[in-house]
Amino acid sequence: MSIIQERTDRVLNLIQSVKEHCMCLNFVDDGGYFMVVYPDGDFQVHGTRIDYRDLGKAKALSMLLEKIEMHWKESFF
């Protein structure tokens, strides 16, 4: 498998992980940002977004997953 295919697969797998997270009501890629809208609930924020133009998609998606998980855990306190 080529490095390009490996990186593409990694990004696609990360996108799938974000979409499958319980906090993801809607996932948007607008060409410069990834945005996740949270479902209704007792959350301090209604969603989150991250700019991937400088980070790259894989790094941004990893950071987005961490952020979503953090917001989800904070909802229990």
Protein backbone atom coordinates (compact mmCIF):
# COMPACT_ATOMS: atom_id res chain seq x y z
CA MET A 1 0.00 0.00 0.00
CA SER A 2 1.34 3.44 -0.87
CA ILE A 3 1.86 6.22 1.66
CA ILE A 4 -0.88 8.23 -0.05
CA GLN A 5 -3.37 5.39 0.33
CA GLU A 6 -2.37 4.89 3.98
CA ARG A 7 -2.92 8.57 4.75
CA THR A 8 -6.23 8.62 2.89
CA ASP A 9 -7.40 5.53 4.78
CA ARG A 10 -6.35 7.11 8.09
CA VAL A 11 -8.37 10.27 7.37
CA LEU A 12 -11.41 8.24 6.28
CA ASN A 13 -11.19 6.09 9.43
CA LEU A 14 -10.92 9.18 11.64
CA ILE A 15 -13.93 10.78 9.93
CA GLN A 16 -15.89 7.58 10.54
CA SER A 17 -14.85 7.61 14.22
CA VAL A 18 -16.06 11.20 14.58
CA LYS A 19 -19.37 10.42 12.88
CA GLU A 20 -19.93 7.37 15.09
CA HIS A 21 -19.26 9.23 18.35
CA CYS A 22 -22.35 9.68 20.50
CA MET A 23 -21.76 13.46 20.57
CA CYS A 24 -21.93 13.82 16.78
CA LEU A 25 -25.35 14.85 15.53
CA ASN A 26 -23.94 16.39 12.36
CA PHE A 27 -20.44 16.41 10.83
CA VAL A 28 -19.48 19.12 8.33
CA ASP A 29 -16.33 19.57 6.23
CA ASP A 30 -16.56 23.02 4.68
CA GLY A 31 -13.21 22.95 2.90
CA GLY A 32 -11.18 24.52 5.69
CA TYR A 33 -12.82 23.44 8.91
CA PHE A 34 -14.31 20.32 10.37
CA MET A 35 -17.38 21.04 12.48
CA VAL A 36 -19.40 18.79 14.76
CA VAL A 37 -22.86 19.77 15.98
CA TYR A 38 -23.85 18.14 19.26
CA PRO A 39 -27.29 16.68 19.96
CA ASP A 40 -29.61 18.41 22.41
CA GLY A 41 -28.54 17.77 25.96
CA ASP A 42 -26.85 19.19 29.00
CA PHE A 43 -23.70 20.41 27.25
CA GLN A 44 -21.89 23.70 27.85
CA VAL A 45 -21.41 24.14 24.10
CA HIS A 46 -23.54 23.10 21.12
CA GLY A 47 -20.68 21.88 18.98
CA THR A 48 -17.06 22.40 18.06
CA ARG A 49 -14.93 23.06 15.02
CA ILE A 50 -11.28 22.95 14.09
CA ASP A 51 -9.31 24.53 11.26
CA TYR A 52 -7.37 21.93 9.28
CA ARG A 53 -5.71 24.16 6.70
CA ASP A 54 -2.43 24.41 8.64
CA LEU A 55 -2.65 21.20 10.69
CA GLY A 56 -3.63 18.71 8.04
CA LYS A 57 -6.79 16.64 8.15
CA ALA A 58 -5.49 13.66 10.14
CA LYS A 59 -4.07 15.80 12.97
CA ALA A 60 -7.18 18.02 13.03
CA LEU A 61 -9.51 15.01 13.20
CA SER A 62 -7.50 13.50 16.06
CA MET A 63 -7.71 16.79 17.93
CA LEU A 64 -11.43 17.03 17.15
CA LEU A 65 -12.04 13.57 18.60
CA GLU A 66 -10.18 14.56 21.78
CA LYS A 67 -12.26 17.72 22.06
CA ILE A 68 -15.55 15.89 21.53
CA GLU A 69 -14.59 13.31 24.14
CA MET A 70 -13.62 16.05 26.60
CA HIS A 71 -16.96 17.84 26.13
CA TRP A 72 -18.81 14.55 26.56
CA LYS A 73 -16.98 13.76 29.82
CA GLU A 74 -17.53 17.31 31.11
CA SER A 75 -21.28 16.84 30.71
CA PHE A 76 -21.23 14.37 33.61
CA PHE A 77 -20.01 16.94 36.16
